[in-house]
C-alpha cells in the first residue's frame, strides 16, 4: 500500500489499524500517529495470540517495508493472509509530508551496521600493515555483508538491535499486545 493511499484510508470513517514492527527505539524516535508497536521478534513469538486480536484491516509498517513483509508472512502462517504493507515504510510516509510523532532521536539500525562494518573493515586493513593476517577481519566482515545481502537478513543488525542504546526501558510485549487487543474494534 502506498503512503498516499494509507493517508486517505486513515482519514476515512473506518481507518485501518497500524502495526509497526520496528524496534522500540526506532518506534520511539519516529512513528505514524496511532500506530501500535510490536517488534518483529515479539510478533513472531506471539503470532498466534496476535492473530486473535487482528483482522484484515491492519496495515504493517516498518522503516522500509522489509520487516513488515516478514511480519506479514508470519501472520499469514497464523491465519491472516494478505495483510498490506506500507510500501517504503515510515521513510516513504515521511517523504509525503504526512504527520509523524517524534521522540528521542537515534541512529537507525542500518546506519549503525554501516558504522560498525566500516570501522571493522578499516581496522582490519590498517592493522594488516603491522600484524600479518589482520586483513582477514576485513574479509570476514565483507563476507558477512555479502551473506546479509543474499539472504536479506543481517546478523550484525540483530545484535546491534539488542544493545542497550537501542532498547527502551518501557517496552513490554504483554502490554503492547493488551493495548492492541483493547483497540480491536
Protein backbone atom coordinates (compact mmCIF):
# COMPACT_ATOMS: atom_id res chain seq x y z
CA UNK A 1 0.00 0.00 0.00
CA UNK A 2 1.39 3.38 -0.99
CA UNK A 3 1.70 6.18 1.58
CA UNK A 4 -0.87 8.36 -0.17
CA UNK A 5 -3.44 5.55 -0.12
CA UNK A 6 -2.78 4.91 3.58
CA UNK A 7 -3.24 8.62 4.34
CA UNK A 8 -6.63 8.54 2.61
CA UNK A 9 -7.67 5.39 4.45
CA UNK A 10 -6.61 6.84 7.81
CA UNK A 11 -8.83 9.87 7.12
CA UNK A 12 -11.83 7.65 6.28
CA UNK A 13 -14.71 6.64 8.56
CA UNK A 14 -13.14 3.20 9.13
CA UNK A 15 -9.37 3.69 9.33
CA UNK A 16 -7.14 0.61 9.46
CA UNK A 17 -5.02 -0.17 12.49
CA UNK A 18 -1.29 0.26 12.01
CA UNK A 19 1.10 -2.36 13.34
CA UNK A 20 4.68 -1.03 13.42
CA UNK A 21 7.17 -3.92 13.65
CA UNK A 22 10.33 -1.86 14.15
CA UNK A 23 12.35 -1.93 17.36
CA UNK A 24 11.02 0.05 20.33
CA UNK A 25 13.90 2.50 19.92
CA UNK A 26 13.07 3.13 16.26
CA UNK A 27 9.40 3.48 17.12
CA UNK A 28 10.18 5.95 19.89
CA UNK A 29 12.29 8.07 17.52
CA UNK A 30 9.50 8.45 14.92
CA UNK A 31 6.21 6.72 14.23
CA UNK A 32 2.92 7.26 12.47
CA UNK A 33 0.36 8.64 14.95
CA UNK A 34 -1.97 5.95 16.26
CA UNK A 35 0.27 3.04 15.32
CA UNK A 36 0.95 0.13 17.66
CA UNK A 37 4.49 -1.09 18.21
CA UNK A 38 5.02 -4.85 18.23
CA UNK A 39 8.63 -5.54 17.15
CA UNK A 40 9.12 -8.29 14.59
CA UNK A 41 10.77 -10.68 17.07
CA UNK A 42 7.90 -10.20 19.53
CA UNK A 43 5.36 -10.62 16.74
CA UNK A 44 6.95 -13.92 15.74
CA UNK A 45 6.95 -15.14 19.36
CA UNK A 46 3.29 -14.20 19.91
CA UNK A 47 1.99 -14.65 16.36
CA UNK A 48 -0.91 -16.97 17.20
CA UNK A 49 -2.07 -14.74 20.06
CA UNK A 50 -1.78 -11.58 17.98
CA UNK A 51 -3.78 -13.14 15.17
CA UNK A 52 -6.75 -13.41 17.54
CA UNK A 53 -6.73 -9.60 18.01
CA UNK A 54 -6.15 -8.67 14.40
CA UNK A 55 -8.36 -8.72 11.34
CA UNK A 56 -7.69 -7.99 7.68
CA UNK A 57 -7.98 -4.23 8.29
CA UNK A 58 -4.41 -3.89 9.57
CA UNK A 59 -1.50 -2.28 7.74
CA UNK A 60 2.01 -3.45 8.59
CA UNK A 61 4.70 -0.79 8.92
CA UNK A 62 8.48 -0.70 9.37
CA UNK A 63 11.27 1.61 8.19
CA UNK A 64 11.43 0.44 4.56
CA UNK A 65 8.90 -2.37 4.17
CA UNK A 66 11.26 -5.35 4.56
CA UNK A 67 10.48 -6.29 8.17
CA UNK A 68 6.79 -5.55 7.66
CA UNK A 69 6.83 -8.05 4.77
CA UNK A 70 8.35 -10.69 7.05
CA UNK A 71 5.70 -9.87 9.68
CA UNK A 72 3.04 -10.38 7.01
CA UNK A 73 4.47 -13.81 6.21
CA UNK A 74 4.43 -14.77 9.90
CA UNK A 75 0.84 -13.57 10.35
CA UNK A 76 -0.21 -15.37 7.17
CA UNK A 77 1.06 -18.56 8.78
CA UNK A 78 -1.18 -17.79 11.77
CA UNK A 79 -4.26 -17.41 9.56
CA UNK A 80 -4.14 -13.76 8.44
CA UNK A 81 -3.00 -13.85 4.80
CA UNK A 82 -2.64 -10.80 2.60
CA UNK A 83 -2.17 -8.01 5.16
CA UNK A 84 -0.99 -4.89 3.33
CA UNK A 85 2.47 -3.47 3.94
CA UNK A 86 3.22 0.25 3.76
CA UNK A 87 5.42 0.46 0.65
CA UNK A 88 8.67 2.19 1.58
CA UNK A 89 7.69 2.19 5.26
CA UNK A 90 7.94 5.17 7.58
CA UNK A 91 10.62 6.61 5.29
CA UNK A 92 8.12 6.88 2.41
CA UNK A 93 5.44 8.14 4.80
CA UNK A 94 7.72 10.98 5.92
CA UNK A 95 8.63 11.88 2.32
CA UNK A 96 4.95 12.61 1.62
CA UNK A 97 4.92 15.15 4.44
CA UNK A 98 2.48 13.05 6.47
CA UNK A 99 2.39 13.54 10.24
CA UNK A 100 4.91 11.70 12.42
CA UNK A 101 5.19 11.57 16.20
CA UNK A 102 8.80 12.18 17.18
CA UNK A 103 10.65 11.23 20.33
CA UNK A 104 14.27 10.73 21.24
CA UNK A 105 16.31 10.66 18.01
CA UNK A 106 18.52 7.61 17.49
CA UNK A 107 20.52 6.25 14.60
CA UNK A 108 18.58 3.58 12.75
CA UNK A 109 19.99 0.04 12.75
CA UNK A 110 21.10 0.22 9.11
CA UNK A 111 23.26 3.27 9.85
CA UNK A 112 24.73 1.56 12.91
CA UNK A 113 25.58 -1.52 10.80
CA UNK A 114 27.37 0.70 8.26
CA UNK A 115 29.39 2.35 11.05
CA UNK A 116 30.40 -0.91 12.73
CA UNK A 117 31.10 -2.80 9.48
CA UNK A 118 33.07 0.11 8.02
CA UNK A 119 35.07 0.52 11.23
CA UNK A 120 35.91 -3.19 11.33
CA UNK A 121 36.98 -3.22 7.67
CA UNK A 122 39.14 -0.11 8.20
CA UNK A 123 40.65 -1.57 11.38
CA UNK A 124 41.48 -4.82 9.59
CA UNK A 125 43.03 -3.02 6.63
CA UNK A 126 45.14 -0.59 8.70
CA UNK A 127 46.18 -3.21 11.25
CA UNK A 128 47.29 -5.56 8.45
CA UNK A 129 50.31 -3.28 7.88
CA UNK A 130 51.52 -4.16 11.38
CA UNK A 131 50.01 -7.58 12.02
CA UNK A 132 50.12 -10.21 9.27
CA UNK A 133 46.72 -11.78 8.70
CA UNK A 134 44.72 -8.87 10.17
CA UNK A 135 43.17 -8.33 6.73
CA UNK A 136 41.14 -11.47 7.43
CA UNK A 137 38.93 -9.31 9.66
CA UNK A 138 38.07 -7.19 6.63
CA UNK A 139 37.41 -10.30 4.55
CA UNK A 140 35.19 -11.77 7.28
CA UNK A 141 33.10 -8.59 7.52
CA UNK A 142 32.86 -8.35 3.72
CA UNK A 143 31.69 -11.95 3.55
CA UNK A 144 29.12 -11.29 6.26
CA UNK A 145 27.77 -8.30 4.34
CA UNK A 146 27.51 -10.39 1.15
CA UNK A 147 25.59 -13.13 3.01
CA UNK A 148 23.34 -10.46 4.56
CA UNK A 149 22.50 -9.14 1.10
CA UNK A 150 21.89 -12.59 -0.40
CA UNK A 151 19.69 -13.81 2.48
CA UNK A 152 18.08 -10.41 3.18
CA UNK A 153 18.97 -10.83 6.85
CA UNK A 154 21.60 -9.13 8.95
CA UNK A 155 23.14 -10.81 11.98
CA UNK A 156 25.03 -7.63 12.86
CA UNK A 157 21.77 -5.66 12.75
CA UNK A 158 20.09 -8.19 15.05
CA UNK A 159 22.98 -7.95 17.51
CA UNK A 160 23.01 -4.15 17.39
CA UNK A 161 19.25 -4.00 17.97
CA UNK A 162 19.84 -5.78 21.29
CA UNK A 163 22.40 -3.27 22.51
CA UNK A 164 21.37 -1.09 25.48
CA UNK A 165 21.32 2.14 23.46
CA UNK A 166 18.76 0.58 21.09
CA UNK A 167 16.38 -0.53 23.80
CA UNK A 168 13.69 1.44 25.53
CA UNK A 169 13.09 0.64 29.19
CA UNK A 170 9.34 0.95 28.81
CA UNK A 171 8.67 -1.72 26.16
CA UNK A 172 6.74 -4.68 27.50
CA UNK A 173 5.44 -7.23 24.97
CA UNK A 174 2.43 -8.16 27.11
CA UNK A 175 1.39 -4.51 27.46
CA UNK A 176 1.76 -3.98 23.70
CA UNK A 177 -0.47 -6.95 22.97
CA UNK A 178 -3.00 -5.79 25.59
CA UNK A 179 -3.12 -2.28 24.03
CA UNK A 180 -3.58 -3.81 20.60
CA UNK A 181 -6.39 -6.04 21.92
CA UNK A 182 -8.06 -3.02 23.54
CA UNK A 183 -8.05 -1.18 20.20
CA UNK A 184 -9.73 -4.10 18.44
CA UNK A 185 -12.89 -2.70 17.04
